[in-house]
Structure formats: structure tokens, C-alpha cells
Protein backbone atom coordinates (compact mmCIF):
# COMPACT_ATOMS: atom_id res chain seq x y z
CA MET A 1 81.75 13.14 -23.91
CA GLN A 2 81.87 9.76 -25.44
CA ASN A 3 83.44 8.04 -22.46
CA SER A 4 81.74 10.02 -19.71
CA GLU A 5 79.25 7.22 -19.13
CA PHE A 6 82.05 4.71 -18.66
CA THR A 7 84.52 6.35 -16.31
CA GLY A 8 85.25 2.92 -14.90
CA ASN A 9 84.47 3.34 -11.20
CA PHE A 10 84.31 -0.03 -9.54
CA PRO A 11 80.74 -1.17 -8.85
CA THR A 12 80.12 -1.17 -5.12
CA ALA A 13 77.90 -4.02 -4.01
CA ASN A 14 75.24 -3.64 -1.32
CA ARG A 15 77.43 -5.24 1.33
CA ARG A 16 80.23 -2.87 0.42
CA PRO A 17 78.74 0.59 0.94
CA GLY A 18 80.78 3.54 -0.21
CA LEU A 19 80.65 6.92 -1.82
CA ARG A 20 80.71 6.42 -5.61
CA ILE A 21 81.74 9.40 -7.68
CA ARG A 22 81.42 8.79 -11.42
CA THR A 23 81.98 12.28 -12.78
CA LEU A 24 83.21 15.69 -11.72
CA GLY A 25 79.71 17.09 -11.99
CA LEU A 26 78.23 14.51 -9.63
CA ALA A 27 80.99 14.94 -7.10
CA VAL A 28 80.60 18.71 -7.08
CA ALA A 29 76.85 18.44 -6.65
CA MET A 30 77.26 16.09 -3.69
CA ALA A 31 79.88 18.26 -2.04
CA ALA A 32 77.79 21.39 -2.47
CA GLY A 33 74.83 19.85 -0.74
CA LEU A 34 76.44 17.87 2.07
CA PRO A 35 78.13 19.21 5.21
CA GLY A 36 80.35 16.16 5.44
CA ILE A 37 80.97 12.69 4.10
CA CYS A 38 77.68 10.94 3.62
CA TYR A 39 77.10 7.26 3.09
CA ALA A 40 73.61 6.41 1.90
CA ASP A 41 71.43 4.45 4.30
CA ALA A 42 68.54 3.02 2.34
CA ALA A 43 66.72 1.96 5.48
CA SER A 44 66.51 5.52 6.85
CA ALA A 45 65.92 7.38 3.58
CA PRO A 46 62.38 8.56 2.84
CA PRO A 47 60.73 6.46 0.11
CA PHE A 48 59.80 9.49 -1.99
CA SER A 49 60.97 13.08 -2.34
CA LEU A 50 59.97 15.94 -4.60
CA SER A 51 61.51 19.36 -5.17
CA ALA A 52 60.92 22.38 -7.38
CA ASP A 53 63.72 24.71 -8.45
CA LEU A 54 63.41 28.17 -9.95
CA SER A 55 66.53 29.97 -11.09
CA GLU A 56 67.55 33.02 -13.05
CA ARG A 57 70.97 33.42 -14.64
CA VAL A 58 72.60 36.24 -16.54
CA ASP A 59 75.28 34.98 -18.92
CA SER A 60 77.56 37.56 -20.55
CA ASN A 61 78.49 35.27 -23.46
CA VAL A 62 75.88 32.60 -24.12
CA THR A 63 77.35 31.81 -27.53
CA ARG A 64 80.86 31.24 -26.06
CA GLN A 65 82.45 33.12 -28.94
CA PRO A 66 85.53 35.37 -29.17
CA GLU A 67 84.98 39.05 -28.51
CA GLY A 68 83.00 40.53 -31.39
CA PRO A 69 79.55 40.73 -32.96
CA ASN A 70 78.71 37.08 -32.26
CA VAL A 71 78.89 37.50 -28.47
CA VAL A 72 75.35 37.51 -27.06
CA SER A 73 74.42 38.20 -23.44
CA SER A 74 71.16 36.78 -22.16
CA ARG A 75 69.02 36.25 -19.12
CA ILE A 76 68.15 32.57 -18.73
CA ASP A 77 65.13 31.48 -16.69
CA ARG A 78 64.91 27.87 -15.55
CA GLN A 79 62.09 25.88 -14.03
CA ALA A 80 62.97 22.40 -12.80
CA LEU A 81 61.14 19.59 -11.05
CA THR A 82 63.00 16.74 -9.36
CA GLY A 83 61.60 13.53 -7.92
CA ALA A 84 63.22 10.50 -6.31
CA PHE A 85 61.94 7.14 -5.14
CA GLU A 86 63.61 4.36 -3.19
CA GLU A 87 62.01 1.27 -1.72
CA THR A 88 63.81 -1.51 0.13
CA SER A 89 62.20 -4.89 0.66
CA GLY A 90 64.22 -7.61 2.30
CA GLN A 91 67.46 -7.97 0.36
CA SER A 92 66.39 -5.96 -2.70
CA ARG A 93 66.14 -2.27 -3.47
CA LEU A 94 64.22 -0.43 -6.18
CA TYR A 95 65.24 3.15 -6.93
CA ALA A 96 64.51 5.91 -9.43
CA SER A 97 65.07 9.63 -9.89
CA ALA A 98 63.93 12.16 -12.47
CA LEU A 99 64.84 15.75 -13.29
CA ILE A 100 62.83 17.70 -15.86
CA ALA A 101 63.93 21.26 -16.60
CA HIS A 102 63.11 24.02 -19.06
CA ASP A 103 65.52 26.83 -19.93
CA ASN A 104 64.20 30.01 -21.47
CA TYR A 105 66.81 32.24 -23.18
CA GLN A 106 65.45 35.79 -23.33
CA ALA A 107 67.90 37.01 -26.01
CA LEU A 108 68.11 33.79 -28.04
CA PRO A 109 64.72 32.03 -28.11
CA ILE A 110 66.11 29.47 -30.57
CA LEU A 111 68.01 27.95 -27.64
CA ASN A 112 64.93 27.44 -25.43
CA THR A 113 65.19 23.82 -24.34
CA THR A 114 63.48 21.22 -22.18
CA THR A 115 65.94 18.66 -20.83
CA GLU A 116 65.70 15.55 -18.72
CA ASP A 117 67.90 13.43 -16.48
CA LEU A 118 66.31 10.07 -15.64
CA HIS A 119 67.80 7.21 -13.64
CA GLY A 120 66.41 3.96 -12.29
CA GLY A 121 67.50 0.55 -11.18
CA TRP A 122 67.16 -2.54 -9.07
CA SER A 123 69.76 -4.08 -6.79
CA ALA A 124 69.56 -7.24 -4.73
CA ARG A 125 71.43 -9.71 -2.57
CA LEU A 126 70.98 -13.13 -4.10
CA GLY A 127 71.86 -16.45 -2.55
CA ARG A 128 75.38 -17.20 -1.25
CA GLY A 129 76.29 -13.53 -0.88
CA ILE A 130 75.97 -12.69 -4.58
CA ASP A 131 75.13 -9.02 -5.18
CA THR A 132 73.74 -7.59 -8.39
CA ASP A 133 72.52 -4.29 -9.79
CA ILE A 134 70.75 -3.35 -13.03
CA HIS A 135 70.41 0.32 -13.95
CA ILE A 136 69.08 2.43 -16.79
CA SER A 137 69.36 6.14 -17.53
CA ARG A 138 68.52 8.84 -20.03
CA SER A 139 69.89 12.38 -20.10
CA SER A 140 69.62 15.23 -22.54
CA ALA A 141 71.37 18.59 -22.78
CA LEU A 142 71.81 21.46 -25.19
CA ALA A 143 74.96 21.03 -27.28
CA ASN A 144 77.89 23.17 -26.23
CA LEU A 145 77.99 26.36 -28.30
CA ALA A 146 81.68 26.85 -27.54
CA ASP A 147 82.62 24.46 -30.36
CA GLN A 148 79.99 25.41 -32.92
CA ASN A 149 81.02 27.33 -36.00
CA VAL A 150 79.00 30.47 -35.23
CA THR A 151 79.71 32.81 -38.12
CA SER A 152 76.74 34.99 -37.12
CA VAL A 153 73.95 34.89 -34.56
CA GLY A 154 71.67 33.67 -37.33
CA SER A 155 73.87 30.59 -37.85
CA ILE A 156 73.22 29.25 -34.34
CA VAL A 157 71.45 25.90 -34.45
CA HIS A 158 69.39 24.21 -31.77
CA ASN A 159 70.87 20.78 -31.10
CA VAL A 160 69.99 18.63 -28.09
CA ILE A 161 72.20 15.61 -27.39
CA THR A 162 70.41 12.69 -25.74
CA ARG A 163 72.27 9.80 -24.11
CA ASP A 164 70.71 6.48 -23.12
CA SER A 165 72.46 3.78 -21.15
CA LEU A 166 71.66 0.36 -19.71
CA GLY A 167 74.06 -1.55 -17.52
CA GLY A 168 74.66 -3.77 -14.56
CA TYR A 169 77.20 -5.55 -12.43
CA LEU A 170 77.59 -8.78 -10.49
CA HIS A 171 79.64 -9.41 -7.33
CA VAL A 172 80.34 -13.08 -6.62
CA PRO A 173 82.37 -13.84 -3.45
CA PHE A 174 84.99 -16.55 -3.78
CA THR A 175 86.71 -16.02 -0.41
CA ARG A 176 85.77 -14.14 2.74
CA HIS A 177 87.31 -10.87 1.51
CA TRP A 178 87.53 -11.30 -2.27
CA ASP A 179 84.82 -10.93 -4.91
CA PHE A 180 84.78 -11.65 -8.60
CA VAL A 181 83.20 -8.70 -10.42
CA ALA A 182 81.60 -8.57 -13.86
CA THR A 183 80.18 -5.44 -15.51
CA ALA A 184 78.24 -4.75 -18.71
CA ASP A 185 77.09 -1.42 -20.17
CA THR A 186 75.50 -0.38 -23.41
CA SER A 187 74.80 3.16 -24.53
CA ARG A 188 73.81 5.38 -27.40
CA SER A 189 73.94 9.12 -28.05
CA TYR A 190 72.05 10.98 -30.72
CA ASN A 191 71.64 14.56 -31.89
CA SER A 192 68.32 16.29 -32.53
CA ASN A 193 69.77 18.44 -35.32
CA ALA A 194 69.91 16.58 -38.64
CA LEU A 195 73.25 18.17 -39.55
CA ASP A 196 74.87 16.54 -36.51
CA GLU A 197 73.47 13.04 -36.99
CA ALA A 198 76.85 11.80 -38.23
CA LEU A 199 78.06 12.16 -34.63
CA ASN A 200 75.49 9.70 -33.23
CA THR A 201 77.10 6.77 -31.42
CA GLN A 202 76.34 3.30 -30.09
CA GLY A 203 78.60 1.66 -27.51
CA VAL A 204 79.03 -1.61 -25.61
CA TYR A 205 81.44 -2.09 -22.68
CA LEU A 206 82.24 -5.34 -20.87
CA GLY A 207 84.45 -5.71 -17.82
CA ALA A 208 85.77 -8.28 -15.34
CA GLY A 209 87.95 -8.07 -12.27
CA ALA A 210 88.34 -8.72 -8.56
CA SER A 211 87.55 -6.65 -5.48
CA LEU A 212 89.16 -6.82 -2.05
CA LEU A 213 87.02 -5.86 0.94
CA VAL A 214 89.27 -3.84 3.26
CA ASN A 215 86.53 -3.30 5.85
CA ASN A 216 82.79 -2.69 5.88
CA ASP A 217 82.92 0.54 3.89
CA GLU A 218 86.23 0.29 2.00
CA ASN A 219 87.32 -1.76 -0.98
CA VAL A 220 90.08 -1.87 -3.58
CA GLY A 221 89.84 -3.69 -6.88
CA VAL A 222 91.21 -4.26 -10.35
CA LEU A 223 88.89 -4.02 -13.35
CA LEU A 224 89.70 -4.79 -17.00
CA ARG A 225 87.23 -3.42 -19.55
CA ASN A 226 86.82 -3.49 -23.31
CA GLY A 227 84.43 -1.19 -25.13
CA LYS A 228 83.47 -0.62 -28.74
CA THR A 229 81.90 2.57 -30.09
CA HIS A 230 80.10 2.52 -33.43
CA PHE A 231 78.98 5.46 -35.59
CA PRO A 232 75.77 4.20 -37.25
CA SER A 233 75.22 7.17 -39.58
CA SER A 234 76.18 6.73 -43.22
CA GLY A 235 77.66 10.23 -43.11
CA ALA A 236 80.19 9.44 -40.36
CA ALA A 237 82.88 8.17 -42.72
CA SER A 238 82.72 11.32 -44.85
CA ILE A 239 84.02 13.41 -41.92
CA GLY A 240 86.68 10.91 -40.89
CA LEU A 241 84.82 9.00 -38.16
CA SER A 242 85.40 5.27 -37.71
CA ASP A 243 84.54 2.69 -35.05
CA THR A 244 86.79 2.67 -32.00
CA LEU A 245 87.92 0.13 -29.42
CA ASP A 246 88.76 1.27 -25.89
CA GLN A 247 90.67 -0.96 -23.48
CA PHE A 248 91.00 -0.06 -19.79
CA ALA A 249 93.05 -1.52 -16.95
CA ASP A 250 92.00 0.25 -13.76
CA LEU A 251 92.77 0.22 -10.07
CA ASN A 252 89.53 1.22 -8.33
CA VAL A 253 89.50 2.56 -4.78
CA HIS A 254 86.85 3.41 -2.21
CA LEU A 255 88.86 4.20 0.90
CA ARG A 256 88.58 6.26 4.08
CA PRO A 257 92.18 6.96 5.18
CA THR A 258 90.79 8.71 8.24
CA GLY A 259 87.35 9.15 9.69
CA ALA A 260 87.27 12.62 8.16
CA SER A 261 88.31 11.84 4.58
CA ALA A 262 87.36 9.64 1.64
CA ILE A 263 89.15 8.72 -1.60
CA ASN A 264 87.05 7.39 -4.46
CA GLY A 265 87.51 6.66 -8.15
CA ARG A 266 89.85 4.92 -10.52
CA LEU A 267 93.44 5.18 -11.75
CA GLY A 268 94.58 3.23 -14.77
CA PHE A 269 95.68 2.96 -18.36
CA GLN A 270 93.61 3.33 -21.54
CA ARG A 271 94.28 2.30 -25.13
CA HIS A 272 92.14 3.99 -27.81
CA THR A 273 92.21 2.20 -31.20
CA TYR A 274 90.51 3.08 -34.50
CA SER A 275 89.19 0.52 -36.97
CA SER A 276 90.88 2.43 -39.79
CA LEU A 277 93.78 4.90 -40.11
CA SER A 278 95.81 3.45 -37.27
CA TYR A 279 98.08 6.51 -37.03
CA ARG A 280 95.25 8.12 -35.03
CA ASN A 281 95.53 5.54 -32.21
CA SER A 282 96.52 6.72 -28.74
CA ALA A 283 97.28 5.31 -25.30
CA GLY A 284 98.12 6.67 -21.88
CA PRO A 285 97.02 7.24 -18.28
CA SER A 286 93.31 7.58 -17.64
CA TYR A 287 91.81 8.45 -14.26
CA ASN A 288 88.86 9.88 -12.36
CA LEU A 289 89.66 10.49 -8.69
CA SER A 290 88.18 12.50 -5.84
CA TRP A 291 89.27 13.29 -2.28
CA PHE A 292 86.74 14.68 0.19
CA TRP A 293 87.96 15.95 3.56
CA THR A 294 86.00 17.22 6.55
CA PRO A 295 88.56 18.07 9.25
CA GLY A 296 85.85 19.02 11.73
CA GLY A 297 83.93 22.09 12.63
CA HIS A 298 82.57 23.96 9.64
CA LEU A 299 85.19 23.30 6.95
CA SER A 300 85.20 20.79 4.08
CA LEU A 301 87.41 20.39 1.02
CA LEU A 302 86.87 18.60 -2.27
CA LEU A 303 89.65 17.80 -4.75
CA LEU A 304 88.93 16.24 -8.15
CA GLY A 305 91.09 15.04 -11.02
CA GLU A 306 90.15 13.51 -14.37
CA ARG A 307 91.98 12.50 -17.55
CA ILE A 308 90.07 11.21 -20.58
CA LEU A 309 91.19 9.84 -23.93
CA GLY A 310 88.64 9.44 -26.66
CA GLY A 311 87.36 9.87 -30.17
CA PRO A 312 84.68 12.12 -31.62
CA ALA A 313 81.22 11.74 -30.14
CA ASP A 314 79.71 15.22 -30.08
CA ASN A 315 80.80 18.82 -30.30
CA GLN A 316 81.48 18.89 -26.57
CA PHE A 317 84.38 16.48 -27.00
CA LEU A 318 85.94 16.45 -30.44
CA SER A 319 88.94 14.17 -29.95
CA GLY A 320 92.25 13.82 -28.16
CA VAL A 321 93.00 14.16 -24.44
CA ILE A 322 91.22 16.21 -21.78
CA THR A 323 92.76 16.74 -18.33
CA ARG A 324 90.70 18.48 -15.66
CA PHE A 325 91.34 19.41 -12.02
CA ARG A 326 89.07 21.12 -9.52
CA ILE A 327 89.40 22.36 -5.94
CA GLU A 328 86.39 23.40 -3.89
CA PRO A 329 86.59 24.40 -0.21
CA SER A 330 83.37 25.05 1.70
CA TYR A 331 82.68 26.69 5.04
CA ALA A 332 79.48 26.68 7.09
CA LEU A 333 79.15 30.18 8.52
CA THR A 334 76.14 29.12 10.59
CA SER A 335 73.84 26.10 10.70
CA LYS A 336 71.83 27.68 7.86
CA ILE A 337 74.43 29.57 5.79
CA LYS A 338 77.24 27.98 3.79
CA VAL A 339 79.78 29.54 1.42
CA SER A 340 81.94 27.69 -1.10
CA VAL A 341 84.45 28.72 -3.72
CA HIS A 342 85.86 26.72 -6.61
CA TYR A 343 88.62 26.78 -9.18
CA GLU A 344 88.71 24.42 -12.16
CA ASP A 345 91.49 24.05 -14.71
CA GLN A 346 91.08 22.10 -17.96
CA ARG A 347 93.55 21.40 -20.75
CA SER A 348 92.33 19.91 -24.01
CA ASP A 349 94.65 18.69 -26.77
CA TYR A 350 92.99 17.75 -30.04
CA ASN A 351 94.48 15.86 -32.95
CA ALA A 352 93.75 17.81 -36.13
CA ASN A 353 93.22 14.59 -38.09
CA LEU A 354 90.23 13.76 -35.87
CA GLN A 355 88.54 17.04 -35.13
CA LEU A 356 85.75 18.71 -37.04
CA LEU A 357 87.44 21.58 -38.90
CA GLN A 358 86.27 25.12 -38.33
CA VAL A 359 86.72 28.31 -40.32
CA GLY A 360 90.34 29.43 -40.24
CA GLN A 361 91.79 25.97 -39.67
CA THR A 362 93.60 23.62 -42.03
CA PRO A 363 93.89 19.82 -41.73
CA GLN A 364 97.51 20.19 -40.59
CA GLN A 365 96.73 22.24 -37.49
CA ASN A 366 96.47 20.66 -34.07
CA ARG A 367 94.42 22.43 -31.45
CA SER A 368 95.32 23.05 -27.80
CA ASP A 369 92.91 24.76 -25.38
CA HIS A 370 93.35 25.91 -21.79
CA GLY A 371 90.20 26.71 -19.84
CA THR A 372 89.62 28.00 -16.32
CA ASN A 373 86.49 28.46 -14.26
CA ALA A 374 86.37 30.16 -10.86
CA GLY A 375 83.43 31.15 -8.73
CA ILE A 376 81.75 31.60 -5.37
CA ASN A 377 78.45 30.22 -4.08
CA LEU A 378 76.43 31.31 -1.07
CA MET A 379 73.65 29.03 0.18
CA TRP A 380 71.03 29.97 2.76
CA GLN A 381 68.56 27.40 4.10
CA PRO A 382 66.05 29.28 6.26
CA ARG A 383 63.85 26.18 6.54
CA GLY A 384 64.52 22.51 6.15
CA TRP A 385 62.43 22.45 2.96
CA LEU A 386 63.57 25.77 1.49
CA SER A 387 66.98 26.88 0.23
CA LEU A 388 68.30 29.89 -1.68
CA ASN A 389 71.58 29.93 -3.62
CA SER A 390 73.40 32.83 -5.20
CA GLU A 391 76.51 32.34 -7.28
CA PHE A 392 79.00 34.08 -9.50
CA ALA A 393 81.41 32.36 -11.90
CA THR A 394 83.89 33.55 -14.48
CA GLU A 395 85.07 31.35 -17.33
CA HIS A 396 87.93 31.79 -19.78
CA ARG A 397 89.30 29.64 -22.58
CA SER A 398 92.52 30.38 -24.46
CA SER A 399 93.61 28.45 -27.53
CA ASN A 400 96.35 28.31 -30.14
CA LEU A 401 93.48 28.86 -32.61
CA ALA A 402 91.98 32.25 -31.82
CA ILE A 403 88.50 31.35 -33.06
CA ASN A 404 88.15 28.99 -30.06
CA GLU A 405 88.88 31.61 -27.38
CA TYR A 406 86.20 33.24 -25.22
CA ARG A 407 85.39 34.84 -21.87
CA ALA A 408 82.12 34.65 -19.98
CA ASN A 409 80.69 35.70 -16.61
CA VAL A 410 77.59 34.15 -15.06
CA VAL A 411 75.50 35.43 -12.15
CA ALA A 412 72.71 33.20 -10.87
CA LEU A 413 70.03 32.97 -8.18
CA HIS A 414 68.30 29.68 -7.30
CA ILE A 415 65.25 29.02 -5.11
CA LYS A 416 64.47 25.42 -4.22
CA ALA A 417 61.57 23.94 -2.27
CA SER A 418 61.48 20.26 -1.28
CA ILE A 419 58.92 17.79 0.00
CA ASP A 420 60.05 14.53 1.63
């Protein structure tokens, strides 16, 4: 997604600790691994950790195609290695994490892929209470087959989308409870397949605002951001792509209404403007919010909501508006066994003038998709360093354009060993 790197969550300075949830995926991962609300304590965290993860999945519809000859079921083996480092010295902190994974598709070797997810940064308390952070990241993933024009199994292409980003923020106190905040981010995304190079992007986002410290681990702020996305490929214009300007006005919250709950994220307004063909411009609410609740005992509940406006960036997000909601309750059966279930609902409305046309469509057709994903996960941790996960999920997408509909079921088993 073009804007997924810039969801607009307010930067939380070192003296304002809080749970920061940037995306649905990150929030879900945190909730799945934590028995309750967790606020990072750099002083108590081990300086280095390493883990290895082996998993096997069976996917009934890897190609994410409508029922027919192009539906391919496959076993997918994954080997992953994760490492993390964090070192605190005085008022500064150096941190890094890396995930390297290889997926092996038994039925479709063309999709075999090695991916990475790398993050690093430095944060510090400067003089007069000024806090700063500089961070860099790189991630890569196989392009989503659900929006490829797969006319036959032989037409499947291997395309890995890589995203790089560099950014930072600055908190400058001007009263006891108020900070001035400045943010800056730059990013680029590029496709490994030459036929998709027209979708490569470069982006720059700048923001400024103010943050109110409610108490030691809560803050509320207002952030105004402007961002420009550029399509550097000479072929971008031929498929209707033009530079875009995104303007955000966000209310950012990191609050704990009770000792057992936390609200994090942003709620605001976004204006999406094109450098040409102004009839494609759009504006409306834009948000990314989470609520995590641990009422006590063995139960926890995670609620997530997200609404994104944006232009074409890759075949995972063609154009238009995406609204997504997720609910995930978890229950610890024992100190070593935990079960969780989830339900996710996503609605995607695409403007036909912006999307990449597929077989069976005409330029006059808009596209509206409705997708659901439901599943159950059982985690067993027989030792502190060893965990086993089994999961089942079912996914369905309906659309006003039948070529975009599909159903898929996934069964998976994960084994993870960690060293701290």
C-alpha cells in the first residue's frame, strides 16, 4: 500500500512511553504474543535476541483466483531467522531488528521467494528535554496474486515488491506539558518484475504539530502532514499514473482509559490530489485506531479499525478507498496454552479511471470488493524458548466484477525456538 508507511501515528518521545501501533499487522502480531498490555522497558530488555521459525502451510488457492482451472493448491514451507538488538547508554538508545525468510511453494516453484524485514534506529534525549529519533527500514514481499491477471497458471509472474524508508522526529518542549513535534519521512517502493516497474514510487512526507502530555504514559496531539508521491518510471504516464499530493490533519492518541485498556492511533482527514486529471481527486476521513483490553484473568481483546485513501502504488492497492476492521479475542487456557480467534472485514472501492484494467473490464466500470477473513490459532509454549502454533483461516472476497472473486482456506503449523 502506498500510504502504509505513513499511517500518521504520533511519534512518541522517550519521555512519553506508550504502545505505538502503526499497522493492523503489527498490532495483531503484538496481541498474539503478549498476555496483556506491554510497555517496552529498554533498561530491562536483553541486548540481543535470536529466534528460528519453521512453518508449513497448506493453501487451497495460492493464486487467489475464481473457481476454475487457475486455482492452485500448494504446500508452502517457510524457514525464517529473526534477530534483534537494543543497547541503551545514558540518554541514547540504539536498536535494530532483522527478519530473513524463505518460502518454498511445492506446487508453484516460480513463486519461491526470499524476503526480508529490516529495521534500525537511534533515539536520544538531547539537552533541555529535546527528544529525537532517526529510523530506517527495508521490507520485501511477494506481490499479491489476488490482483494479477492470471489467465493461466503459466501466466503467473514472480514479482517481489521492496520498500525502503528513512525518517525521524523531533520533540521540543515549550511548556511543562506541551511539545512541538516535527516529523520527516522519505520512502521508495520498487518491483522486481520489469513489467511492473511503472508502479515504482518515491515519496517524501513532512509534518508538524503539538503534543500534550496527559501523564507519564499518555499523550494526545495534533499533527499536520504533507506528502508527495512520484512515479519515476517513464511508463507510468502511459497507464494513467501521475504524481500525487496527500494532506493529513490528524488527532493522535496514546491513552489508557483504565489500567486494563489502551487506545492508540490516529483519527483525521485526508485530501488526495493528483498533478493531472483533477476529477480523480478525493478527500475524506482517514484513521488507524486500536483498542486493547485485558479485563483480568486469562482474557484479552483487540479491536482494530483502518481507513485509507490513496493512489496506485502496487497491485496490492490499486486506488480508491479501503476500510478494514478486525476483532481478535484471546484466552489463556493455562500458563502455557493460549487460544485466539479473529474476524476481519475489508471493503475496497476502486475508481475505474485509476485502476489497472483486467480482462473483462471496461474503463467505465468501477470496482467494489468485500473481503472477510476468519480463523483460530492455538499456541503452546512448553518451554520459555520454544513455542508451537497451529492455525486455520478461511478467506473470501466477493466483487461486482466476478474475475476478482475467490475463496481460500489455509492450515498452518509453526515451530519457533528463541535465544535471549
